[in-house]
């Protein structure tokens, strides 16, 4: 209990520091003469933390954000009334965005095209627009200034803050993102991507004469194609950081045509980052959806629709792979061929729909009877099933076969045409220590012969073929 409370306190403190830092960045580094920031990150941070269902409930998290926002406004020089008003408006924006995004209990996944579209509409347009109107009213009433110009900068700052930081933070809060970017197999490609991005940014922002901002986009698209949403997030946050520094310090193509006016540089920066975000995240979401559809279609190709087991095509691929591994490791491999006894008579007596339901139940108990993750159960065709048992001798395969037959018997499926008066199976087992160049089809034929022997000997039994020490 005490450790959970300590974690809660640490989490709340980390959120407060993170929000304070993001507010301070906006107020101190990117605030113009009208005292409106060029990019506002804190609201996007809070929205993502709420969506990620962290340890802190909604109201306390919003209050933490409000207090951190208030403190940062005071540190930046705002009076108490103005600082509290602006902090309250930002808290309201977070609440509105969160409420609109989660209405009807819907979860938000920014890597999904529909989830990203909902976030753009409610989180990056509607909520910022409502609160930028309120914030601009407060700022203009207290300090004066052009309402439309202030509203334009405020809205774009809030919208971009949401659009930039929210997808980035959403991705980097996922446990697997570091593996996607910096895993052993991905590290080299990610390093090359960052090198190309750094070189393109150096070329673009090392001069202020030529409008070379477009040179970043080929590398940005490459990052999306190579590393998906995680690559897009890493590239966007890098580009945004360099762009903000260039706008604040007055170097790079952002200054072209601005007359060195900070407000003009801010508008150029906002327009540029809007293009970067609009290019990268939707493309990453669409590519991610394509990959998920491909995985589902691949699953349909390799899964038997009736039993939900791997099908014959999948078995052939897996068996060839396990056979080659057995040859390399010089370990045994066993194969079980299973046939439902007198299944034609079952279909004749109970109908083909009942036969389908019977096969589905049998497939389920067979899969449950195989305990090791390396073992593989598939539907071979018709009423036949097959089990691959890597690193298993005939003795071990016999134990698995006994488990399968016991599980089938426990179903007690009636079968009037069987002498046992219930559904039963026959099992043929073959095993081998394959030599280099041996053909896996020989083990299949051996298991099939053992199955034929089991059926000839009265069915509902197990028969084992002689060991196959196969040579080329």
Protein backbone atom coordinates (compact mmCIF):
# COMPACT_ATOMS: atom_id res chain seq x y z
CA UNK A 1 0.00 0.00 0.00
CA UNK A 2 2.80 2.39 0.95
CA UNK A 3 4.79 1.53 -2.17
CA UNK A 4 1.70 2.12 -4.35
CA UNK A 5 1.18 5.52 -2.70
CA UNK A 6 4.85 6.39 -3.25
CA UNK A 7 4.55 5.46 -6.95
CA UNK A 8 1.42 7.62 -7.18
CA UNK A 9 3.26 10.59 -5.68
CA UNK A 10 6.25 10.11 -7.99
CA UNK A 11 3.96 9.83 -11.02
CA UNK A 12 2.09 13.03 -10.05
CA UNK A 13 5.37 14.87 -9.47
CA UNK A 14 6.71 13.74 -12.85
CA UNK A 15 3.53 14.91 -14.59
CA UNK A 16 3.74 18.31 -12.85
CA UNK A 17 7.39 18.77 -13.83
CA UNK A 18 6.73 17.68 -17.42
CA UNK A 19 3.75 20.04 -17.79
CA UNK A 20 5.64 22.93 -16.13
CA UNK A 21 8.59 22.41 -18.49
CA UNK A 22 6.39 22.30 -21.59
CA UNK A 23 4.55 25.47 -20.49
CA UNK A 24 7.83 27.20 -19.74
CA UNK A 25 9.17 26.28 -23.20
CA UNK A 26 6.12 27.84 -24.83
CA UNK A 27 6.13 30.97 -22.69
CA UNK A 28 9.85 31.66 -22.51
CA UNK A 29 11.26 30.44 -25.81
CA UNK A 30 8.49 31.00 -28.34
CA UNK A 31 6.40 33.86 -26.97
CA UNK A 32 6.16 36.87 -29.28
CA UNK A 33 5.53 40.56 -28.75
CA UNK A 34 1.80 39.82 -28.29
CA UNK A 35 2.83 37.37 -25.53
CA UNK A 36 1.26 34.43 -27.33
CA UNK A 37 3.40 31.30 -27.72
CA UNK A 38 4.25 29.91 -31.16
CA UNK A 39 3.63 26.32 -30.10
CA UNK A 40 1.81 25.11 -26.97
CA UNK A 41 2.69 21.57 -25.89
CA UNK A 42 1.30 21.15 -22.36
CA UNK A 43 -2.32 20.49 -23.34
CA UNK A 44 -1.33 17.71 -25.71
CA UNK A 45 0.81 16.18 -22.96
CA UNK A 46 -2.13 16.08 -20.55
CA UNK A 47 -4.60 14.74 -23.11
CA UNK A 48 -2.32 11.81 -23.96
CA UNK A 49 -1.68 11.05 -20.28
CA UNK A 50 -5.44 10.95 -19.75
CA UNK A 51 -5.96 8.74 -22.81
CA UNK A 52 -3.22 6.38 -21.70
CA UNK A 53 -5.17 5.68 -18.48
CA UNK A 54 -2.22 6.26 -16.19
CA UNK A 55 -2.20 5.73 -12.44
CA UNK A 56 -3.73 9.14 -11.71
CA UNK A 57 -7.53 9.60 -12.18
CA UNK A 58 -8.89 12.28 -14.51
CA UNK A 59 -9.68 15.10 -12.08
CA UNK A 60 -6.40 14.97 -10.10
CA UNK A 61 -4.41 14.89 -13.32
CA UNK A 62 -6.25 17.94 -14.66
CA UNK A 63 -5.65 19.74 -11.36
CA UNK A 64 -1.95 18.89 -11.49
CA UNK A 65 -1.83 20.35 -14.99
CA UNK A 66 -3.69 23.46 -13.89
CA UNK A 67 -1.33 24.13 -10.96
CA UNK A 68 1.80 23.50 -13.06
CA UNK A 69 0.39 25.81 -15.74
CA UNK A 70 -0.42 28.49 -13.16
CA UNK A 71 3.06 28.31 -11.65
CA UNK A 72 4.74 28.54 -15.06
CA UNK A 73 2.61 31.56 -15.98
CA UNK A 74 3.61 33.28 -12.75
CA UNK A 75 7.29 32.50 -13.30
CA UNK A 76 6.96 33.99 -16.79
CA UNK A 77 5.69 37.27 -15.28
CA UNK A 78 1.88 37.10 -15.53
CA UNK A 79 -0.25 38.52 -12.73
CA UNK A 80 -2.20 36.11 -10.53
CA UNK A 81 -5.59 36.82 -12.09
CA UNK A 82 -4.34 36.56 -15.63
CA UNK A 83 -2.16 33.52 -14.87
CA UNK A 84 -5.05 31.67 -13.20
CA UNK A 85 -7.45 32.59 -16.03
CA UNK A 86 -5.10 31.27 -18.72
CA UNK A 87 -4.32 28.13 -16.69
CA UNK A 88 -8.06 27.49 -16.28
CA UNK A 89 -8.63 27.92 -20.03
CA UNK A 90 -5.88 25.43 -20.81
CA UNK A 91 -7.34 22.96 -18.30
CA UNK A 92 -10.73 23.43 -19.95
CA UNK A 93 -9.21 22.64 -23.35
CA UNK A 94 -7.79 19.39 -21.97
CA UNK A 95 -11.17 18.43 -20.48
CA UNK A 96 -13.08 19.27 -23.67
CA UNK A 97 -10.66 17.32 -25.87
CA UNK A 98 -10.67 14.31 -23.56
CA UNK A 99 -14.47 14.31 -23.22
CA UNK A 100 -15.05 14.57 -26.97
CA UNK A 101 -12.49 11.88 -27.77
CA UNK A 102 -13.79 9.35 -25.22
CA UNK A 103 -17.51 9.92 -25.57
CA UNK A 104 -19.53 6.70 -25.85
CA UNK A 105 -16.65 4.90 -24.20
CA UNK A 106 -14.60 4.74 -27.38
CA UNK A 107 -10.85 4.20 -27.07
CA UNK A 108 -8.46 6.31 -29.12
CA UNK A 109 -5.54 4.78 -30.99
CA UNK A 110 -3.64 7.49 -32.85
CA UNK A 111 -1.94 4.85 -35.01
CA UNK A 112 -5.29 3.94 -36.52
CA UNK A 113 -6.61 6.19 -39.34
CA UNK A 114 -10.04 6.59 -37.75
CA UNK A 115 -8.54 7.25 -34.31
CA UNK A 116 -6.11 9.79 -35.76
CA UNK A 117 -8.94 11.47 -37.68
CA UNK A 118 -11.05 11.76 -34.51
CA UNK A 119 -8.09 13.19 -32.63
CA UNK A 120 -7.42 15.80 -35.33
CA UNK A 121 -11.07 16.87 -35.38
CA UNK A 122 -11.79 17.02 -31.65
CA UNK A 123 -8.33 17.34 -30.11
CA UNK A 124 -6.50 19.53 -32.62
CA UNK A 125 -9.33 21.64 -34.06
CA UNK A 126 -12.52 21.87 -31.99
CA UNK A 127 -11.07 22.02 -28.46
CA UNK A 128 -8.23 24.45 -29.38
CA UNK A 129 -10.67 26.66 -31.32
CA UNK A 130 -13.08 26.95 -28.39
CA UNK A 131 -10.36 27.73 -25.88
CA UNK A 132 -8.33 29.99 -28.16
CA UNK A 133 -11.44 32.17 -28.48
CA UNK A 134 -11.67 32.36 -24.69
CA UNK A 135 -7.93 32.88 -24.27
CA UNK A 136 -7.73 35.57 -26.93
CA UNK A 137 -10.61 37.41 -25.26
CA UNK A 138 -8.75 37.35 -21.92
CA UNK A 139 -5.42 38.45 -23.45
CA UNK A 140 -6.87 41.25 -25.59
CA UNK A 141 -9.03 42.51 -22.71
CA UNK A 142 -6.07 42.66 -20.32
CA UNK A 143 -3.25 43.69 -22.66
CA UNK A 144 -4.91 45.03 -25.79
CA UNK A 145 -3.86 44.03 -29.30
CA UNK A 146 -5.33 42.74 -32.53
CA UNK A 147 -8.01 40.15 -31.75
CA UNK A 148 -7.81 38.32 -35.10
CA UNK A 149 -4.01 38.19 -35.20
CA UNK A 150 -3.83 36.98 -31.60
CA UNK A 151 -6.56 34.40 -32.22
CA UNK A 152 -4.77 33.08 -35.32
CA UNK A 153 -1.45 32.61 -33.53
CA UNK A 154 -3.11 31.17 -30.40
CA UNK A 155 -5.24 28.66 -32.27
CA UNK A 156 -2.38 27.48 -34.48
CA UNK A 157 -0.10 27.20 -31.44
CA UNK A 158 -2.61 25.05 -29.55
CA UNK A 159 -3.56 22.97 -32.60
CA UNK A 160 0.08 22.33 -33.52
CA UNK A 161 0.99 21.56 -29.93
CA UNK A 162 -1.71 18.90 -29.88
CA UNK A 163 -0.84 17.57 -33.34
CA UNK A 164 2.91 17.42 -32.68
CA UNK A 165 3.32 16.29 -29.07
CA UNK A 166 0.25 14.05 -28.67
CA UNK A 167 1.13 11.44 -31.35
CA UNK A 168 4.79 11.54 -30.31
CA UNK A 169 4.03 11.02 -26.63
CA UNK A 170 1.33 8.45 -27.42
CA UNK A 171 3.84 6.36 -29.36
CA UNK A 172 6.71 6.69 -26.89
CA UNK A 173 4.51 5.63 -23.97
CA UNK A 174 4.11 2.23 -25.64
CA UNK A 175 6.35 -0.49 -24.21
CA UNK A 176 7.54 -1.80 -27.58
CA UNK A 177 8.52 1.49 -29.22
CA UNK A 178 12.18 1.34 -28.16
CA UNK A 179 12.41 -2.13 -29.70
CA UNK A 180 10.79 -0.84 -32.91
CA UNK A 181 13.40 1.92 -33.16
CA UNK A 182 16.49 0.71 -31.34
CA UNK A 183 16.23 -3.08 -31.20
CA UNK A 184 19.22 -5.09 -32.32
CA UNK A 185 17.82 -5.61 -35.82
CA UNK A 186 16.48 -2.05 -36.12
CA UNK A 187 19.30 0.03 -34.62
CA UNK A 188 21.37 0.33 -37.81
CA UNK A 189 18.43 1.47 -39.93
CA UNK A 190 17.28 3.95 -37.29
CA UNK A 191 20.79 5.37 -36.96
CA UNK A 192 21.01 5.80 -40.74
CA UNK A 193 17.57 7.47 -40.77
CA UNK A 194 18.63 9.92 -38.03
CA UNK A 195 21.89 10.63 -39.87
CA UNK A 196 20.03 11.45 -43.10
CA UNK A 197 17.54 13.58 -41.18
CA UNK A 198 20.32 15.43 -39.42
CA UNK A 199 22.16 16.07 -42.70
CA UNK A 200 19.02 17.35 -44.42
CA UNK A 201 18.19 19.64 -41.48
CA UNK A 202 21.78 20.92 -41.47
CA UNK A 203 21.59 21.74 -45.18
CA UNK A 204 18.18 23.39 -44.80
CA UNK A 205 18.79 25.47 -41.65
CA UNK A 206 22.46 26.35 -42.15
CA UNK A 207 21.48 29.14 -44.57
CA UNK A 208 18.75 31.77 -44.85
CA UNK A 209 18.82 32.58 -48.56
CA UNK A 210 17.17 29.61 -50.26
CA UNK A 211 13.73 28.17 -49.35
CA UNK A 212 14.95 24.59 -48.91
CA UNK A 213 12.43 23.46 -46.31
CA UNK A 214 11.06 20.89 -48.78
CA UNK A 215 14.32 18.91 -48.64
CA UNK A 216 13.27 17.46 -45.29
CA UNK A 217 10.20 15.71 -46.69
CA UNK A 218 11.92 12.83 -48.56
CA UNK A 219 13.71 11.82 -45.36
CA UNK A 220 10.46 12.25 -43.40
CA UNK A 221 8.63 9.90 -45.77
CA UNK A 222 11.55 7.44 -45.58
CA UNK A 223 11.28 7.44 -41.78
CA UNK A 224 7.56 6.66 -42.03
CA UNK A 225 8.05 3.79 -44.47
CA UNK A 226 10.97 2.27 -42.58
CA UNK A 227 9.87 2.73 -38.96
CA UNK A 228 6.14 3.40 -39.17
CA UNK A 229 4.44 5.60 -36.60
CA UNK A 230 7.44 5.46 -34.26
CA UNK A 231 9.73 6.71 -37.03
CA UNK A 232 7.26 9.47 -37.89
CA UNK A 233 7.12 10.56 -34.25
CA UNK A 234 10.91 10.63 -33.91
CA UNK A 235 11.32 12.59 -37.16
CA UNK A 236 8.53 15.09 -36.37
CA UNK A 237 9.82 15.93 -32.90
CA UNK A 238 13.34 16.42 -34.31
CA UNK A 239 12.13 18.68 -37.13
CA UNK A 240 9.89 20.65 -34.74
CA UNK A 241 12.75 21.22 -32.30
CA UNK A 242 15.12 22.52 -34.99
CA UNK A 243 12.34 24.61 -36.55
CA UNK A 244 11.43 26.26 -33.25
CA UNK A 245 15.06 27.07 -32.50
CA UNK A 246 15.47 28.55 -35.97
CA UNK A 247 12.37 30.71 -35.59
CA UNK A 248 13.34 31.93 -32.12
CA UNK A 249 17.00 32.60 -32.96
CA UNK A 250 16.27 34.02 -36.40
CA UNK A 251 18.16 31.65 -38.71
CA UNK A 252 17.23 29.27 -41.48
CA UNK A 253 14.61 29.48 -44.26
CA UNK A 254 11.92 30.34 -41.66
CA UNK A 255 13.28 33.90 -41.73
CA UNK A 256 12.88 34.35 -45.51
CA UNK A 257 10.29 37.02 -46.28
CA UNK A 258 9.60 37.68 -42.61
CA UNK A 259 11.34 41.02 -42.48
CA UNK A 260 12.92 39.65 -39.30
CA UNK A 261 9.57 40.09 -37.48
CA UNK A 262 9.01 37.42 -34.85
CA UNK A 263 5.29 37.14 -35.57
CA UNK A 264 5.95 36.45 -39.25
CA UNK A 265 8.52 33.81 -38.38
CA UNK A 266 6.02 32.18 -36.03
CA UNK A 267 3.38 32.00 -38.76
CA UNK A 268 5.88 30.48 -41.20
CA UNK A 269 6.99 27.98 -38.56
CA UNK A 270 3.39 27.03 -37.79
CA UNK A 271 2.55 26.56 -41.46
CA UNK A 272 5.68 24.44 -41.99
CA UNK A 273 5.06 22.21 -38.97
CA UNK A 274 1.43 21.81 -40.02
CA UNK A 275 2.66 20.43 -43.38
CA UNK A 276 5.14 18.13 -41.63
CA UNK A 277 2.45 16.74 -39.32
CA UNK A 278 -0.14 16.44 -42.11
CA UNK A 279 2.36 14.49 -44.22
CA UNK A 280 3.81 12.12 -41.65
CA UNK A 281 1.16 10.94 -39.19
CA UNK A 282 -1.70 10.25 -41.65
CA UNK A 283 0.73 8.39 -43.92
CA UNK A 284 2.01 6.38 -40.95
CA UNK A 285 -1.55 5.58 -39.86
CA UNK A 286 -2.56 4.42 -43.35
CA UNK A 287 0.55 2.26 -43.70
CA UNK A 288 -0.07 0.78 -40.26
CA UNK A 289 -3.64 -0.08 -41.21
CA UNK A 290 -2.33 -1.68 -44.42
CA UNK A 291 0.06 -3.84 -42.40
CA UNK A 292 -2.68 -4.90 -40.00
CA UNK A 293 -4.96 -5.84 -42.90
CA UNK A 294 -2.11 -7.79 -44.47
CA UNK A 295 -1.60 -9.70 -41.23
CA UNK A 296 -5.30 -10.53 -41.02
CA UNK A 297 -5.40 -11.66 -44.65
CA UNK A 298 -2.28 -13.74 -44.11
CA UNK A 299 -3.99 -15.33 -41.13
CA UNK A 300 -6.98 -16.21 -43.30
CA UNK A 301 -4.67 -17.88 -45.81
CA UNK A 302 -2.98 -20.05 -43.16
CA UNK A 303 -5.90 -20.77 -40.79
CA UNK A 304 -8.60 -23.39 -41.23
CA UNK A 305 -11.93 -21.58 -41.04
CA UNK A 306 -13.80 -24.45 -39.36
CA UNK A 307 -11.46 -25.44 -36.52
CA UNK A 308 -9.47 -22.21 -36.25
CA UNK A 309 -6.34 -24.35 -36.38
CA UNK A 310 -3.47 -23.87 -38.84
CA UNK A 311 -4.36 -25.38 -42.19
CA UNK A 312 -2.47 -27.74 -44.53
CA UNK A 313 -0.54 -24.90 -46.18
CA UNK A 314 0.63 -23.65 -42.79
CA UNK A 315 1.54 -27.19 -41.73
CA UNK A 316 3.72 -27.73 -44.82
CA UNK A 317 5.66 -24.53 -44.13
CA UNK A 318 6.09 -25.23 -40.43
CA UNK A 319 7.04 -28.89 -40.92
CA UNK A 320 9.72 -28.05 -43.48
CA UNK A 321 11.12 -25.44 -41.11
CA UNK A 322 11.15 -27.81 -38.11
CA UNK A 323 12.66 -30.59 -40.25
CA UNK A 324 15.56 -28.37 -41.28
CA UNK A 325 16.08 -27.30 -37.67
CA UNK A 326 16.13 -30.95 -36.57
CA UNK A 327 18.78 -31.71 -39.21
CA UNK A 328 20.96 -28.83 -38.01
CA UNK A 329 20.60 -29.63 -34.31
CA UNK A 330 20.64 -33.44 -34.82
CA UNK A 331 17.63 -33.67 -32.50
CA UNK A 332 14.67 -36.02 -32.97
CA UNK A 333 11.35 -34.91 -34.39
CA UNK A 334 8.02 -36.72 -34.11
CA UNK A 335 4.87 -36.50 -36.18
CA UNK A 336 1.36 -37.60 -35.18
CA UNK A 337 -1.33 -38.27 -37.76
CA UNK A 338 -4.83 -38.33 -36.21
CA UNK A 339 -7.98 -39.55 -37.93
CA UNK A 340 -11.56 -39.36 -36.64
CA UNK A 341 -12.90 -42.90 -36.60
CA UNK A 342 -15.81 -43.71 -38.93
CA UNK A 343 -16.50 -40.04 -39.61
CA UNK A 344 -18.43 -40.77 -42.83
CA UNK A 345 -20.93 -42.77 -40.79
CA UNK A 346 -21.13 -39.88 -38.31
CA UNK A 347 -22.03 -37.44 -41.11
CA UNK A 348 -24.57 -39.87 -42.50
CA UNK A 349 -26.22 -40.31 -39.11
CA UNK A 350 -26.15 -36.74 -37.77
CA UNK A 351 -25.71 -34.53 -40.83
CA UNK A 352 -22.84 -32.45 -42.15
CA UNK A 353 -23.57 -29.47 -39.88
CA UNK A 354 -23.19 -31.72 -36.84
CA UNK A 355 -20.03 -33.11 -38.45
CA UNK A 356 -18.60 -29.61 -38.71
CA UNK A 357 -19.38 -28.91 -35.07
CA UNK A 358 -17.75 -32.21 -34.12
CA UNK A 359 -14.54 -31.35 -35.99
CA UNK A 360 -14.44 -27.90 -34.37
CA UNK A 361 -14.70 -29.42 -30.89
CA UNK A 362 -12.06 -32.03 -31.66
CA UNK A 363 -9.69 -29.38 -33.00
CA UNK A 364 -10.13 -27.35 -29.82
CA UNK A 365 -9.34 -30.23 -27.43
CA UNK A 366 -6.39 -31.36 -29.54
CA UNK A 367 -4.87 -27.89 -29.39
CA UNK A 368 -5.43 -27.81 -25.62
CA UNK A 369 -3.79 -31.24 -25.21
CA UNK A 370 -0.49 -30.03 -26.66
CA UNK A 371 1.31 -28.14 -23.91
CA UNK A 372 4.62 -26.90 -25.34
CA UNK A 373 4.72 -23.69 -27.35
CA UNK A 374 7.01 -25.30 -29.96
CA UNK A 375 4.50 -28.08 -30.68
CA UNK A 376 2.16 -27.50 -33.61
CA UNK A 377 -1.38 -28.78 -34.23
CA UNK A 378 -3.02 -28.38 -37.65
CA UNK A 379 -5.94 -29.69 -39.64
CA UNK A 380 -4.46 -31.85 -42.37
CA UNK A 381 -7.63 -32.21 -44.40
CA UNK A 382 -11.11 -33.68 -44.03
CA UNK A 383 -11.28 -35.48 -40.68
CA UNK A 384 -7.49 -35.76 -40.34
CA UNK A 385 -5.31 -33.73 -38.00
CA UNK A 386 -1.55 -33.60 -37.60
CA UNK A 387 0.78 -32.69 -34.73
CA UNK A 388 4.46 -31.71 -35.04
CA UNK A 389 6.52 -32.47 -31.93
CA UNK A 390 10.08 -31.04 -32.21
CA UNK A 391 12.82 -32.60 -30.07
CA UNK A 392 10.50 -35.46 -29.14
CA UNK A 393 11.02 -39.23 -29.38
CA UNK A 394 8.32 -41.84 -29.84
CA UNK A 395 7.93 -42.16 -26.06
CA UNK A 396 7.11 -38.47 -25.65
CA UNK A 397 4.83 -38.53 -28.67
CA UNK A 398 3.00 -41.51 -27.15
CA UNK A 399 2.28 -39.47 -24.02
CA UNK A 400 0.88 -36.61 -26.12
CA UNK A 401 -1.23 -39.10 -28.13
CA UNK A 402 -2.64 -40.54 -24.90
CA UNK A 403 -3.56 -37.02 -23.75
CA UNK A 404 -5.32 -36.34 -27.05
CA UNK A 405 -7.31 -39.59 -26.92
CA UNK A 406 -8.27 -38.97 -23.29
CA UNK A 407 -9.45 -35.42 -24.11
CA UNK A 408 -11.50 -36.69 -27.07
CA UNK A 409 -13.09 -39.39 -24.95
CA UNK A 410 -13.93 -36.82 -22.26
CA UNK A 411 -16.08 -34.96 -24.79
CA UNK A 412 -18.44 -37.97 -24.87
CA UNK A 413 -19.76 -37.04 -28.30
CA UNK A 414 -22.35 -39.70 -29.23
CA UNK A 415 -21.69 -41.78 -32.35
CA UNK A 416 -24.28 -44.46 -33.02
CA UNK A 417 -22.26 -45.89 -35.91
CA UNK A 418 -19.19 -46.58 -33.75
CA UNK A 419 -18.69 -49.75 -31.73
CA UNK A 420 -17.64 -47.47 -28.86
CA UNK A 421 -20.91 -45.49 -29.16
CA UNK A 422 -18.99 -42.19 -29.03
CA UNK A 423 -16.55 -40.31 -31.21
CA UNK A 424 -13.02 -41.66 -31.06
CA UNK A 425 -9.75 -41.13 -32.94
CA UNK A 426 -6.91 -43.27 -34.21
CA UNK A 427 -3.31 -42.04 -34.02
CA UNK A 428 -0.21 -42.92 -36.02
CA UNK A 429 3.20 -41.82 -34.76
CA UNK A 430 6.51 -41.61 -36.59
CA UNK A 431 9.77 -40.11 -35.41
CA UNK A 432 13.21 -39.60 -36.83
CA UNK A 433 16.72 -38.24 -36.37
CA UNK A 434 16.96 -36.73 -39.87
CA UNK A 435 20.29 -36.69 -41.67
CA UNK A 436 21.42 -33.85 -43.93
CA UNK A 437 19.51 -33.97 -47.19
CA UNK A 438 16.68 -36.15 -45.86
CA UNK A 439 13.18 -35.53 -47.18
CA UNK A 440 10.43 -34.63 -44.66
CA UNK A 441 7.84 -36.37 -46.82
CA UNK A 442 9.31 -39.72 -45.69
CA UNK A 443 8.27 -39.03 -42.09
CA UNK A 444 4.77 -38.06 -43.24
CA UNK A 445 4.43 -41.33 -45.14
CA UNK A 446 5.71 -43.27 -42.14
CA UNK A 447 3.17 -41.61 -39.81
CA UNK A 448 0.42 -42.26 -42.34
CA UNK A 449 1.34 -45.97 -42.47
CA UNK A 450 1.26 -46.11 -38.67
CA UNK A 451 -2.20 -44.50 -38.75
CA UNK A 452 -3.38 -47.10 -41.26
CA UNK A 453 -2.13 -49.81 -38.90
CA UNK A 454 -4.08 -48.26 -36.00
CA UNK A 455 -7.27 -48.26 -38.08
CA UNK A 456 -6.66 -51.85 -39.26
CA UNK A 457 -6.18 -52.94 -35.63
CA UNK A 458 -9.65 -51.82 -34.63
CA UNK A 459 -9.37 -48.01 -34.38
CA UNK A 460 -9.40 -45.92 -31.17
CA UNK A 461 -5.74 -46.79 -30.58
CA UNK A 462 -2.18 -45.54 -31.12
CA UNK A 463 0.43 -47.19 -33.31
CA UNK A 464 4.09 -46.17 -33.66
CA UNK A 465 6.22 -46.64 -36.77
CA UNK A 466 9.83 -47.77 -36.56
CA UNK A 467 12.41 -44.98 -36.14
CA UNK A 468 13.31 -43.22 -39.36
CA UNK A 469 17.02 -42.33 -39.34
CA UNK A 470 16.66 -40.86 -42.77
CA UNK A 471 19.65 -40.28 -45.04
CA UNK A 472 20.00 -38.43 -48.32
